PDB file of N, CA and C in Angstrom:
ATOM      1  N   UNK A   1     -25.217  18.389  -8.174  1.00  0.00           N
ATOM      2  CA  UNK A   1     -24.252  18.889  -9.284  1.00  0.00           C
ATOM      3  C   UNK A   1     -23.688  17.371 -10.020  1.00  0.00           C
ATOM      4  N   UNK A   2     -24.213  17.435 -11.479  1.00  0.00           N
ATOM      5  CA  UNK A   2     -24.075  16.833 -12.295  1.00  0.00           C
ATOM      6  C   UNK A   2     -22.664  16.937 -13.152  1.00  0.00           C
ATOM      7  N   UNK A   3     -21.266  16.396 -12.859  1.00  0.00           N
ATOM      8  CA  UNK A   3     -20.354  16.466 -13.755  1.00  0.00           C
ATOM      9  C   UNK A   3     -19.793  15.141 -14.676  1.00  0.00           C
ATOM     10  N   UNK A   4     -19.922  15.523 -15.584  1.00  0.00           N
ATOM     11  CA  UNK A   4     -19.662  14.555 -16.800  1.00  0.00           C
ATOM     12  C   UNK A   4     -18.271  13.929 -16.476  1.00  0.00           C
ATOM     13  N   UNK A   5     -18.006  12.676 -16.384  1.00  0.00           N
ATOM     14  CA  UNK A   5     -17.087  11.558 -15.831  1.00  0.00           C
ATOM     15  C   UNK A   5     -16.530  10.591 -17.203  1.00  0.00           C
ATOM     16  N   UNK A   6     -15.308  10.397 -17.234  1.00  0.00           N
ATOM     17  CA  UNK A   6     -14.952   8.959 -17.916  1.00  0.00           C
ATOM     18  C   UNK A   6     -15.489   7.658 -17.543  1.00  0.00           C
ATOM     19  N   UNK A   7     -15.564   7.734 -15.952  1.00  0.00           N
ATOM     20  CA  UNK A   7     -16.324   6.464 -15.636  1.00  0.00           C
ATOM     21  C   UNK A   7     -17.524   6.493 -15.362  1.00  0.00           C
ATOM     22  N   UNK A   8     -17.699   4.764 -15.460  1.00  0.00           N
ATOM     23  CA  UNK A   8     -19.250   4.241 -15.042  1.00  0.00           C
ATOM     24  C   UNK A   8     -18.692   3.436 -13.829  1.00  0.00           C
ATOM     25  N   UNK A   9     -19.907   3.411 -12.810  1.00  0.00           N
ATOM     26  CA  UNK A   9     -20.158   2.593 -11.565  1.00  0.00           C
ATOM     27  C   UNK A   9     -21.353   2.127 -11.879  1.00  0.00           C
ATOM     28  N   UNK A  10     -21.098   0.693 -11.398  1.00  0.00           N
ATOM     29  CA  UNK A  10     -21.831  -0.459 -11.422  1.00  0.00           C
ATOM     30  C   UNK A  10     -22.546  -0.881 -10.302  1.00  0.00           C
ATOM     31  N   UNK A  11     -23.491  -0.991  -9.702  1.00  0.00           N
ATOM     32  CA  UNK A  11     -24.088  -1.270  -8.292  1.00  0.00           C
ATOM     33  C   UNK A  11     -24.620  -2.635  -8.597  1.00  0.00           C
ATOM     34  N   UNK A  12     -24.353  -3.401  -7.272  1.00  0.00           N
ATOM     35  CA  UNK A  12     -25.021  -4.665  -7.106  1.00  0.00           C
ATOM     36  C   UNK A  12     -26.696  -4.792  -7.111  1.00  0.00           C
ATOM     37  N   UNK A  13     -27.108  -5.663  -6.197  1.00  0.00           N
ATOM     38  CA  UNK A  13     -28.162  -5.803  -6.332  1.00  0.00           C
ATOM     39  C   UNK A  13     -28.831  -4.919  -5.398  1.00  0.00           C
ATOM     40  N   UNK A  14     -28.265  -4.784  -4.207  1.00  0.00           N
ATOM     41  CA  UNK A  14     -28.340  -3.912  -3.154  1.00  0.00           C
ATOM     42  C   UNK A  14     -28.147  -2.311  -3.565  1.00  0.00           C
ATOM     43  N   UNK A  15     -27.878  -2.032  -4.605  1.00  0.00           N
ATOM     44  CA  UNK A  15     -27.621  -0.627  -5.132  1.00  0.00           C
ATOM     45  C   UNK A  15     -26.155  -0.148  -4.435  1.00  0.00           C
ATOM     46  N   UNK A  16     -25.424  -0.998  -4.275  1.00  0.00           N
ATOM     47  CA  UNK A  16     -24.080  -0.407  -3.273  1.00  0.00           C
ATOM     48  C   UNK A  16     -22.775  -1.078  -4.673  1.00  0.00           C
ATOM     49  N   UNK A  17     -21.954   0.350  -4.639  1.00  0.00           N
ATOM     50  CA  UNK A  17     -21.049   0.251  -5.755  1.00  0.00           C
ATOM     51  C   UNK A  17     -20.864  -1.294  -5.668  1.00  0.00           C
ATOM     52  N   UNK A  18     -20.322  -1.511  -6.651  1.00  0.00           N
ATOM     53  CA  UNK A  18     -19.195  -2.703  -7.165  1.00  0.00           C
ATOM     54  C   UNK A  18     -18.307  -2.748  -8.195  1.00  0.00           C
ATOM     55  N   UNK A  19     -18.393  -2.484  -9.013  1.00  0.00           N
ATOM     56  CA  UNK A  19     -17.424  -1.976 -10.164  1.00  0.00           C
ATOM     57  C   UNK A  19     -17.379  -0.738 -10.564  1.00  0.00           C
ATOM     58  N   UNK A  20     -16.170  -0.145 -10.898  1.00  0.00           N
ATOM     59  CA  UNK A  20     -15.965   0.540 -11.940  1.00  0.00           C
ATOM     60  C   UNK A  20     -15.324   0.456 -13.311  1.00  0.00           C
ATOM     61  N   UNK A  21     -15.564   0.923 -14.308  1.00  0.00           N
ATOM     62  CA  UNK A  21     -15.382   0.950 -15.295  1.00  0.00           C
ATOM     63  C   UNK A  21     -15.210   1.777 -15.956  1.00  0.00           C
ATOM     64  N   UNK A  22     -13.703   2.199 -16.535  1.00  0.00           N
ATOM     65  CA  UNK A  22     -13.080   3.027 -16.800  1.00  0.00           C
ATOM     66  C   UNK A  22     -12.285   3.048 -18.611  1.00  0.00           C
ATOM     67  N   UNK A  23     -12.372   3.929 -19.578  1.00  0.00           N
ATOM     68  CA  UNK A  23     -11.837   3.871 -20.572  1.00  0.00           C
ATOM     69  C   UNK A  23     -10.808   2.911 -20.928  1.00  0.00           C
ATOM     70  N   UNK A  24     -10.413   2.128 -21.516  1.00  0.00           N
ATOM     71  CA  UNK A  24      -9.300   1.513 -21.720  1.00  0.00           C
ATOM     72  C   UNK A  24      -7.693   2.147 -21.883  1.00  0.00           C
ATOM     73  N   UNK A  25      -7.783   2.971 -22.738  1.00  0.00           N
ATOM     74  CA  UNK A  25      -6.687   3.853 -22.758  1.00  0.00           C
ATOM     75  C   UNK A  25      -6.161   4.618 -21.191  1.00  0.00           C
ATOM     76  N   UNK A  26      -7.191   4.846 -20.215  1.00  0.00           N
ATOM     77  CA  UNK A  26      -6.539   5.416 -18.866  1.00  0.00           C
ATOM     78  C   UNK A  26      -6.093   4.266 -18.244  1.00  0.00           C
ATOM     79  N   UNK A  27      -6.870   3.046 -18.078  1.00  0.00           N
ATOM     80  CA  UNK A  27      -6.467   1.936 -17.583  1.00  0.00           C
ATOM     81  C   UNK A  27      -4.912   1.525 -17.923  1.00  0.00           C
ATOM     82  N   UNK A  28      -4.242   1.576 -19.342  1.00  0.00           N
ATOM     83  CA  UNK A  28      -3.705   1.460 -19.912  1.00  0.00           C
ATOM     84  C   UNK A  28      -2.096   2.234 -18.892  1.00  0.00           C
ATOM     85  N   UNK A  29      -2.827   3.367 -19.303  1.00  0.00           N
ATOM     86  CA  UNK A  29      -1.864   4.749 -18.427  1.00  0.00           C
ATOM     87  C   UNK A  29      -1.489   4.371 -17.254  1.00  0.00           C
ATOM     88  N   UNK A  30      -2.538   4.223 -16.646  1.00  0.00           N
ATOM     89  CA  UNK A  30      -2.264   3.612 -14.902  1.00  0.00           C
ATOM     90  C   UNK A  30      -1.148   2.552 -14.644  1.00  0.00           C
ATOM     91  N   UNK A  31      -1.441   1.605 -15.770  1.00  0.00           N
ATOM     92  CA  UNK A  31      -0.545   0.210 -15.615  1.00  0.00           C
ATOM     93  C   UNK A  31       0.939   0.815 -15.697  1.00  0.00           C
ATOM     94  N   UNK A  32       0.958   1.744 -16.360  1.00  0.00           N
ATOM     95  CA  UNK A  32       2.237   2.191 -16.925  1.00  0.00           C
ATOM     96  C   UNK A  32       2.949   3.228 -15.932  1.00  0.00           C
ATOM     97  N   UNK A  33       1.935   3.709 -14.945  1.00  0.00           N
ATOM     98  CA  UNK A  33       2.682   4.250 -13.992  1.00  0.00           C
ATOM     99  C   UNK A  33       3.751   3.353 -12.585  1.00  0.00           C
ATOM    100  N   UNK A  34       4.323   4.444 -12.305  1.00  0.00           N
ATOM    101  CA  UNK A  34       4.912   3.688 -11.192  1.00  0.00           C
ATOM    102  C   UNK A  34       4.101   3.259  -9.955  1.00  0.00           C
ATOM    103  N   UNK A  35       4.373   1.939  -9.562  1.00  0.00           N
ATOM    104  CA  UNK A  35       3.460   1.328  -8.393  1.00  0.00           C
ATOM    105  C   UNK A  35       2.802   2.629  -7.603  1.00  0.00           C
ATOM    106  N   UNK A  36       1.536   2.847  -7.647  1.00  0.00           N
ATOM    107  CA  UNK A  36       1.302   3.693  -6.406  1.00  0.00           C
ATOM    108  C   UNK A  36       1.091   3.324  -5.194  1.00  0.00           C
ATOM    109  N   UNK A  37       0.587   4.551  -4.412  1.00  0.00           N
ATOM    110  CA  UNK A  37       0.612   4.300  -2.653  1.00  0.00           C
ATOM    111  C   UNK A  37      -0.679   4.720  -2.292  1.00  0.00           C
ATOM    112  N   UNK A  38      -1.623   3.417  -1.932  1.00  0.00           N
ATOM    113  CA  UNK A  38      -2.903   3.954  -1.218  1.00  0.00           C
ATOM    114  C   UNK A  38      -3.370   5.481  -0.484  1.00  0.00           C
ATOM    115  N   UNK A  39      -4.180   6.169  -0.627  1.00  0.00           N
ATOM    116  CA  UNK A  39      -4.609   6.979   0.348  1.00  0.00           C
ATOM    117  C   UNK A  39      -4.428   6.595   1.949  1.00  0.00           C
ATOM    118  N   UNK A  40      -4.608   5.160   2.682  1.00  0.00           N
ATOM    119  CA  UNK A  40      -4.600   5.097   3.927  1.00  0.00           C
ATOM    120  C   UNK A  40      -3.453   4.886   4.569  1.00  0.00           C
ATOM    121  N   UNK A  41      -2.375   4.762   3.306  1.00  0.00           N
ATOM    122  CA  UNK A  41      -1.066   4.737   3.693  1.00  0.00           C
ATOM    123  C   UNK A  41      -0.280   6.256   3.871  1.00  0.00           C
ATOM    124  N   UNK A  42      -0.991   7.081   2.963  1.00  0.00           N
ATOM    125  CA  UNK A  42       0.256   8.066   2.968  1.00  0.00           C
ATOM    126  C   UNK A  42      -0.183   8.611   4.196  1.00  0.00           C
ATOM    127  N   UNK A  43      -2.006   9.216   4.513  1.00  0.00           N
ATOM    128  CA  UNK A  43      -2.693   9.066   5.490  1.00  0.00           C
ATOM    129  C   UNK A  43      -1.922   8.632   7.104  1.00  0.00           C
ATOM    130  N   UNK A  44      -1.333   7.550   7.040  1.00  0.00           N
ATOM    131  CA  UNK A  44      -0.879   6.638   8.232  1.00  0.00           C
ATOM    132  C   UNK A  44       0.557   7.942   8.718  1.00  0.00           C
ATOM    133  N   UNK A  45       1.317   7.840   7.325  1.00  0.00           N
ATOM    134  CA  UNK A  45       2.310   8.268   7.523  1.00  0.00           C
ATOM    135  C   UNK A  45       2.674   9.958   7.555  1.00  0.00           C
ATOM    136  N   UNK A  46       1.269  10.984   6.596  1.00  0.00           N
ATOM    137  CA  UNK A  46       1.095  11.957   7.847  1.00  0.00           C
ATOM    138  C   UNK A  46       1.035  12.019   8.990  1.00  0.00           C
ATOM    139  N   UNK A  47       0.317  10.878   9.690  1.00  0.00           N
ATOM    140  CA  UNK A  47       0.025  11.024  11.117  1.00  0.00           C
ATOM    141  C   UNK A  47       1.353  10.975  12.049  1.00  0.00           C
ATOM    142  N   UNK A  48       2.208  10.370  11.021  1.00  0.00           N
ATOM    143  CA  UNK A  48       3.528  10.258  11.845  1.00  0.00           C
ATOM    144  C   UNK A  48       4.464   8.808  12.243  1.00  0.00           C
ATOM    145  N   UNK A  49       3.635   7.855  11.451  1.00  0.00           N
ATOM    146  CA  UNK A  49       3.937   6.384  10.958  1.00  0.00           C
ATOM    147  C   UNK A  49       5.042   6.381  10.137  1.00  0.00           C
ATOM    148  N   UNK A  50       5.970   5.577  10.165  1.00  0.00           N
ATOM    149  CA  UNK A  50       6.883   5.340   8.689  1.00  0.00           C
ATOM    150  C   UNK A  50       6.691   4.712   8.089  1.00  0.00           C
ATOM    151  N   UNK A  51       6.726   5.132   6.967  1.00  0.00           N
ATOM    152  CA  UNK A  51       6.181   4.246   5.890  1.00  0.00           C
ATOM    153  C   UNK A  51       6.383   2.808   6.182  1.00  0.00           C
ATOM    154  N   UNK A  52       7.195   1.603   6.900  1.00  0.00           N
ATOM    155  CA  UNK A  52       6.938   0.303   6.789  1.00  0.00           C
ATOM    156  C   UNK A  52       5.959   0.140   7.572  1.00  0.00           C
ATOM    157  N   UNK A  53       5.553   0.761   9.090  1.00  0.00           N
ATOM    158  CA  UNK A  53       4.479   0.586  10.132  1.00  0.00           C
ATOM    159  C   UNK A  53       3.163   0.931   9.197  1.00  0.00           C
ATOM    160  N   UNK A  54       3.005   1.770   8.371  1.00  0.00           N
ATOM    161  CA  UNK A  54       1.920   2.572   7.626  1.00  0.00           C
ATOM    162  C   UNK A  54       1.326   1.218   6.665  1.00  0.00           C
ATOM    163  N   UNK A  55       2.650   0.571   6.037  1.00  0.00           N
ATOM    164  CA  UNK A  55       1.615  -0.759   4.927  1.00  0.00           C
ATOM    165  C   UNK A  55       1.688  -1.766   5.987  1.00  0.00           C
ATOM    166  N   UNK A  56       2.330  -1.924   6.888  1.00  0.00           N
ATOM    167  CA  UNK A  56       2.188  -3.237   7.868  1.00  0.00           C
ATOM    168  C   UNK A  56       0.556  -2.845   8.455  1.00  0.00           C
ATOM    169  N   UNK A  57       0.493  -2.156   8.431  1.00  0.00           N
ATOM    170  CA  UNK A  57      -1.278  -1.738   9.557  1.00  0.00           C
ATOM    171  C   UNK A  57      -2.220  -1.837   7.925  1.00  0.00           C
ATOM    172  N   UNK A  58      -2.036  -1.278   6.726  1.00  0.00           N
ATOM    173  CA  UNK A  58      -2.791  -1.617   5.747  1.00  0.00           C
ATOM    174  C   UNK A  58      -3.053  -2.620   5.785  1.00  0.00           C
ATOM    175  N   UNK A  59      -2.289  -3.402   5.779  1.00  0.00           N
ATOM    176  CA  UNK A  59      -2.352  -4.861   5.331  1.00  0.00           C
ATOM    177  C   UNK A  59      -2.663  -5.880   6.262  1.00  0.00           C
ATOM    178  N   UNK A  60      -2.587  -5.001   7.372  1.00  0.00           N
ATOM    179  CA  UNK A  60      -3.731  -5.327   8.396  1.00  0.00           C
ATOM    180  C   UNK A  60      -2.766  -6.761   8.830  1.00  0.00           C
ATOM    181  N   UNK A  61      -1.625  -6.603   8.817  1.00  0.00           N
ATOM    182  CA  UNK A  61      -0.520  -7.677   9.683  1.00  0.00           C
ATOM    183  C   UNK A  61       0.356  -7.255  10.945  1.00  0.00           C
ATOM    184  N   UNK A  62       0.449  -8.171  11.439  1.00  0.00           N
ATOM    185  CA  UNK A  62       1.011  -7.627  13.036  1.00  0.00           C
ATOM    186  C   UNK A  62       2.847  -7.555  12.641  1.00  0.00           C
ATOM    187  N   UNK A  63       3.349  -7.445  13.376  1.00  0.00           N
ATOM    188  CA  UNK A  63       4.850  -7.160  13.569  1.00  0.00           C
ATOM    189  C   UNK A  63       5.755  -8.659  13.720  1.00  0.00           C
ATOM    190  N   UNK A  64       4.846  -9.566  14.372  1.00  0.00           N
ATOM    191  CA  UNK A  64       4.704 -10.951  14.469  1.00  0.00           C
ATOM    192  C   UNK A  64       4.958 -11.449  13.009  1.00  0.00           C
ATOM    193  N   UNK A  65       3.703 -11.360  12.467  1.00  0.00           N
ATOM    194  CA  UNK A  65       3.598 -11.731  11.094  1.00  0.00           C
ATOM    195  C   UNK A  65       4.734 -11.556   9.780  1.00  0.00           C
ATOM    196  N   UNK A  66       5.206 -10.367   9.905  1.00  0.00           N
ATOM    197  CA  UNK A  66       6.074  -9.508   9.225  1.00  0.00           C
ATOM    198  C   UNK A  66       7.463 -10.392   9.086  1.00  0.00           C
ATOM    199  N   UNK A  67       7.502 -10.398  11.265  1.00  0.00           N
ATOM    200  CA  UNK A  67       8.883 -11.103  11.447  1.00  0.00           C
ATOM    201  C   UNK A  67       8.954 -12.369  10.838  1.00  0.00           C
ATOM    202  N   UNK A  68       7.816 -13.307  11.008  1.00  0.00           N
ATOM    203  CA  UNK A  68       8.166 -14.736  10.461  1.00  0.00           C
ATOM    204  C   UNK A  68       8.379 -14.873   9.053  1.00  0.00           C
ATOM    205  N   UNK A  69       7.835 -13.963   8.231  1.00  0.00           N
ATOM    206  CA  UNK A  69       7.554 -13.636   6.800  1.00  0.00           C
ATOM    207  C   UNK A  69       9.349 -13.632   6.583  1.00  0.00           C
ATOM    208  N   UNK A  70      10.084 -12.957   7.022  1.00  0.00           N
ATOM    209  CA  UNK A  70      11.364 -12.376   7.536  1.00  0.00           C
ATOM    210  C   UNK A  70      12.821 -13.642   8.066  1.00  0.00           C
ATOM    211  N   UNK A  71      11.775 -13.860   8.376  1.00  0.00           N
ATOM    212  CA  UNK A  71      12.584 -14.802   9.157  1.00  0.00           C
ATOM    213  C   UNK A  71      13.425 -14.553  10.578  1.00  0.00           C
ATOM    214  N   UNK A  72      12.928 -13.566  10.891  1.00  0.00           N
ATOM    215  CA  UNK A  72      13.243 -12.866  12.348  1.00  0.00           C
ATOM    216  C   UNK A  72      12.764 -12.746  13.341  1.00  0.00           C
ATOM    217  N   UNK A  73      13.203 -12.310  14.524  1.00  0.00           N
ATOM    218  CA  UNK A  73      12.488 -11.883  15.528  1.00  0.00           C
ATOM    219  C   UNK A  73      11.353 -10.842  15.487  1.00  0.00           C
ATOM    220  N   UNK A  74      10.417 -10.558  16.321  1.00  0.00           N
ATOM    221  CA  UNK A  74       9.243 -10.035  16.402  1.00  0.00           C
ATOM    222  C   UNK A  74      10.386  -8.546  17.203  1.00  0.00           C
ATOM    223  N   UNK A  75      11.080  -8.651  17.863  1.00  0.00           N
ATOM    224  CA  UNK A  75      11.576  -7.359  18.384  1.00  0.00           C
ATOM    225  C   UNK A  75      12.372  -6.893  17.226  1.00  0.00           C
ATOM    226  N   UNK A  76      12.951  -7.519  16.622  1.00  0.00           N
ATOM    227  CA  UNK A  76      14.315  -7.135  15.709  1.00  0.00           C
ATOM    228  C   UNK A  76      13.178  -6.460  14.224  1.00  0.00           C
ATOM    229  N   UNK A  77      12.355  -7.214  14.184  1.00  0.00           N
ATOM    230  CA  UNK A  77      11.368  -6.364  13.164  1.00  0.00           C
ATOM    231  C   UNK A  77      11.180  -4.547  13.567  1.00  0.00           C
ATOM    232  N   UNK A  78      10.606  -4.816  14.942  1.00  0.00           N
ATOM    233  CA  UNK A  78      10.111  -3.610  15.482  1.00  0.00           C
ATOM    234  C   UNK A  78      11.210  -2.417  15.015  1.00  0.00           C
ATOM    235  N   UNK A  79      12.083  -3.014  15.511  1.00  0.00           N
ATOM    236  CA  UNK A  79      13.297  -1.984  15.339  1.00  0.00           C
ATOM    237  C   UNK A  79      13.540  -1.375  13.886  1.00  0.00           C
ATOM    238  N   UNK A  80      13.357  -2.521  12.964  1.00  0.00           N
ATOM    239  CA  UNK A  80      13.585  -1.798  11.637  1.00  0.00           C
ATOM    240  C   UNK A  80      12.331  -1.183  11.131  1.00  0.00           C
ATOM    241  N   UNK A  81      11.250  -1.742  11.675  1.00  0.00           N
ATOM    242  CA  UNK A  81       9.785  -0.671  11.582  1.00  0.00           C
ATOM    243  C   UNK A  81      10.468   0.672  11.918  1.00  0.00           C
ATOM    244  N   UNK A  82      10.722   1.027  13.055  1.00  0.00           N
ATOM    245  CA  UNK A  82      10.821   2.379  13.410  1.00  0.00           C
ATOM    246  C   UNK A  82      11.760   3.281  12.854  1.00  0.00           C
ATOM    247  N   UNK A  83      12.414   2.708  12.059  1.00  0.00           N
ATOM    248  CA  UNK A  83      13.677   3.495  11.588  1.00  0.00           C
ATOM    249  C   UNK A  83      13.120   4.479  10.279  1.00  0.00           C
ATOM    250  N   UNK A  84      13.232   5.441  10.381  1.00  0.00           N
ATOM    251  CA  UNK A  84      12.593   6.721   9.485  1.00  0.00           C
ATOM    252  C   UNK A  84      13.067   6.247   8.008  1.00  0.00           C
ATOM    253  N   UNK A  85      14.315   5.690   7.835  1.00  0.00           N
ATOM    254  CA  UNK A  85      14.728   5.853   6.411  1.00  0.00           C
ATOM    255  C   UNK A  85      15.793   4.506   6.523  1.00  0.00           C
ATOM    256  N   UNK A  86      15.660   2.993   6.790  1.00  0.00           N
ATOM    257  CA  UNK A  86      15.932   2.042   6.134  1.00  0.00           C
ATOM    258  C   UNK A  86      16.838   1.727   5.058  1.00  0.00           C
ATOM    259  N   UNK A  87      18.023   1.115   5.353  1.00  0.00           N
ATOM    260  CA  UNK A  87      18.810   0.773   4.001  1.00  0.00           C
ATOM    261  C   UNK A  87      18.135   0.091   3.214  1.00  0.00           C
ATOM    262  N   UNK A  88      18.540   0.437   1.490  1.00  0.00           N
ATOM    263  CA  UNK A  88      17.572  -0.340   0.471  1.00  0.00           C
ATOM    264  C   UNK A  88      17.205  -1.933   0.640  1.00  0.00           C
ATOM    265  N   UNK A  89      18.411  -2.725   0.937  1.00  0.00           N
ATOM    266  CA  UNK A  89      18.435  -4.149   1.353  1.00  0.00           C
ATOM    267  C   UNK A  89      17.279  -4.185   2.438  1.00  0.00           C
ATOM    268  N   UNK A  90      17.429  -3.182   3.616  1.00  0.00           N
ATOM    269  CA  UNK A  90      16.175  -3.281   4.165  1.00  0.00           C
ATOM    270  C   UNK A  90      15.078  -3.172   3.615  1.00  0.00           C
ATOM    271  N   UNK A  91      14.806  -2.527   2.724  1.00  0.00           N
ATOM    272  CA  UNK A  91      13.523  -1.809   2.218  1.00  0.00           C
ATOM    273  C   UNK A  91      13.038  -2.906   1.284  1.00  0.00           C
ATOM    274  N   UNK A  92      14.093  -3.667   0.626  1.00  0.00           N
ATOM    275  CA  UNK A  92      13.770  -4.501  -0.151  1.00  0.00           C
ATOM    276  C   UNK A  92      13.241  -5.741   0.224  1.00  0.00           C
ATOM    277  N   UNK A  93      13.970  -6.323   1.011  1.00  0.00           N
ATOM    278  CA  UNK A  93      13.131  -7.426   1.861  1.00  0.00           C
ATOM    279  C   UNK A  93      12.349  -7.681   2.675  1.00  0.00           C
ATOM    280  N   UNK A  94      12.096  -6.251   3.088  1.00  0.00           N
ATOM    281  CA  UNK A  94      10.466  -5.838   4.206  1.00  0.00           C
ATOM    282  C   UNK A  94       9.114  -5.497   2.728  1.00  0.00           C
ATOM    283  N   UNK A  95       9.622  -5.023   1.799  1.00  0.00           N
ATOM    284  CA  UNK A  95       8.996  -4.932   0.583  1.00  0.00           C
ATOM    285  C   UNK A  95       8.480  -6.154   0.137  1.00  0.00           C
ATOM    286  N   UNK A  96       9.498  -7.392  -0.204  1.00  0.00           N
ATOM    287  CA  UNK A  96       9.271  -8.729  -0.740  1.00  0.00           C
ATOM    288  C   UNK A  96       8.006  -9.230   0.167  1.00  0.00           C
ATOM    289  N   UNK A  97       8.460  -8.946   1.584  1.00  0.00           N
ATOM    290  CA  UNK A  97       7.572  -9.650   2.458  1.00  0.00           C
ATOM    291  C   UNK A  97       6.102  -9.038   2.770  1.00  0.00           C
ATOM    292  N   UNK A  98       5.910  -8.024   1.771  1.00  0.00           N
ATOM    293  CA  UNK A  98       4.571  -7.095   2.239  1.00  0.00           C
ATOM    294  C   UNK A  98       3.676  -7.092   0.736  1.00  0.00           C
ATOM    295  N   UNK A  99       4.410  -7.855  -0.048  1.00  0.00           N
ATOM    296  CA  UNK A  99       3.937  -7.834  -1.453  1.00  0.00           C
ATOM    297  C   UNK A  99       4.153  -7.067  -2.274  1.00  0.00           C
ATOM    298  N   UNK A 100       5.039  -6.133  -2.274  1.00  0.00           N
ATOM    299  CA  UNK A 100       4.606  -4.469  -2.670  1.00  0.00           C
ATOM    300  C   UNK A 100       6.220  -4.508  -3.366  1.00  0.00           C
ATOM    301  N   UNK A 101       6.484  -3.203  -4.338  1.00  0.00           N
ATOM    302  CA  UNK A 101       7.474  -3.081  -4.438  1.00  0.00           C
ATOM    303  C   UNK A 101       8.461  -1.889  -3.601  1.00  0.00           C
ATOM    304  N   UNK A 102       9.549  -2.747  -3.888  1.00  0.00           N
ATOM    305  CA  UNK A 102      10.470  -1.375  -2.764  1.00  0.00           C
ATOM    306  C   UNK A 102      10.328   0.122  -2.603  1.00  0.00           C
ATOM    307  N   UNK A 103      10.311   0.624  -3.771  1.00  0.00           N
ATOM    308  CA  UNK A 103      10.005   2.415  -3.947  1.00  0.00           C
ATOM    309  C   UNK A 103       8.531   2.720  -3.572  1.00  0.00           C
ATOM    310  N   UNK A 104       7.670   1.434  -2.846  1.00  0.00           N
ATOM    311  CA  UNK A 104       6.680   1.924  -2.526  1.00  0.00           C
ATOM    312  C   UNK A 104       6.657   2.357  -0.804  1.00  0.00           C
ATOM    313  N   UNK A 105       7.939   1.775  -0.220  1.00  0.00           N
ATOM    314  CA  UNK A 105       8.351   2.187   1.175  1.00  0.00           C
ATOM    315  C   UNK A 105       9.150   3.585   0.953  1.00  0.00           C
ATOM    316  N   UNK A 106       9.432   4.282   0.045  1.00  0.00           N
ATOM    317  CA  UNK A 106       9.873   5.582   0.170  1.00  0.00           C
ATOM    318  C   UNK A 106       9.362   6.814   0.072  1.00  0.00           C
ATOM    319  N   UNK A 107       9.116   6.976   1.036  1.00  0.00           N
ATOM    320  CA  UNK A 107       8.182   8.638   0.899  1.00  0.00           C
ATOM    321  C   UNK A 107       8.887   9.374   2.169  1.00  0.00           C
TER     322      UNK A 107
END
């Protein structure tokens, strides 16, 4: 079935999708939206992971990697990661270590 869309997919030399072209107005609208959350992260949360764990795994980081970025021990981070609703200050520090916005940890 051929459904008209606004997007174009550009393939590489092997025929694999390499780029997606969207209308500029759609791009601007997406840039103005609040930070989005990848499907993989949402799926992990639906399957029982905390948002912090879901993001850490999505970013291919170990607990030790994140703990070092935060300047704390791995067991201390493991405890923070297991909390379903951490304090705002904790979310902000962990989000900074992940390179994401703190609001993306609020699900």
